[in-house]
């Protein structure tokens, strides 16, 4: 019950922060998105109710670590089964030569409904297990207060909202960030983006996300336990920082957004690795999927061993775009981004659009040396350098949680031995 009361308090803080966006000078742009914006209030009420039911049962408390691992394996296997049925249904409906289409559709739909119901039951228990394991890990890292992690770890696997990002055409900077309902098709996305471009002369992009720092945290379905654990930890760090100056100033500037996201990315990786090492060691040899950007893909038609370095090529793109925009050559920068999009497409990356909003969104995740969509931005490397000065994660978080500007970050970096 204490966890739920604290969770309700965090949820109210986050929802209050969202309400304050109504005074944004870019409010008029929402004429293109308002009809499809995501309702966080309703989702939060439903999610907290489900968490209350789960907390009352406390089923995960009666399971040994081995039994918890078995539930996790069952959940991931069931999710794979459901996804296979969904793919089968899509193939039946879409195939131009499918015989007995209606009969097969009904059979698969009935089976899918049964399997989805089983997945939902397993999912509630798996969420409770991973929440407990993450909290125990955070306690071992020093984040607990009297054995209680604040805020409590709460997440729910859910269909995630899409993210609408808006940037000026003349520079790469997020000026509007709105969550939209899941499932919008490419036509609807283009309607919103082109409307903002035409009427307000700003670049816009509607993109999916893997996790969202609402409360409870929203996380998309994944059969990768490494990815799931990392996303849960990443978003918990955002919830943790929401109660501190760094998180409170998330949207004040591009630099503050990048500091927040880089801190969350670094911490999320470290926390999740310990979760996996302690509770699911068999997953340690498997790669952790990137939260945001793709990394390396093998080109079709080339000899074995030849690879396409996504991060390196995207970094080149960002650096050149920054140069062109700094020189006021906006149209040339936009032509160049489209040329590079075609280049990425031909090398296996089906990017729907690369524009200023693309870099404003992906460029804030700068926890890996090399830059990627961040280009030569110095903020991420400064956060990485500060992390390297601390032997433990908790001390690093205590050092950054009160930072309120990039200059403040540099001052902390200079003062830290």
Foldseek 3Di string as FASTA:
>chain_A
DVLLVLLVVLLVLVVVVVVVCCPAPCNVLCVLAVVFFDDPVVVQVVQSVLVVVLVVVVVLVPDDLVRLVVLLVVLLVLVVVLVVLVVVLCCLVPPPPHPPSVVVNVVSVVVSVVSVVVNVVSQSNNQVNLQVLLLVLCVVQPQDDVSHHPNRQAEHADQFFWWKFKAALLAQWTRDITTGHPDDDPVSQCSSQVVCCVPVVIGMGTGHFQWDLRRNIYGHDDSQLLQVQLRSQLSVLLSVLSVFQLNVCCRVTLLSVLLSQLLSNVRSNVSSQVSCVVRPVVNNVPDHADRDDHAKDDAPPDDPPDIDGQQQLQLVLLVVLNVCSVVVNSVVNQVSQVVVCVVVVNRPDNDPGDGSRNLSVVLSHQNDPSRRSVHPDCSNVLLNLLVVLDPGSVVSCVLCSHDNDSVSSVVSSVPRD
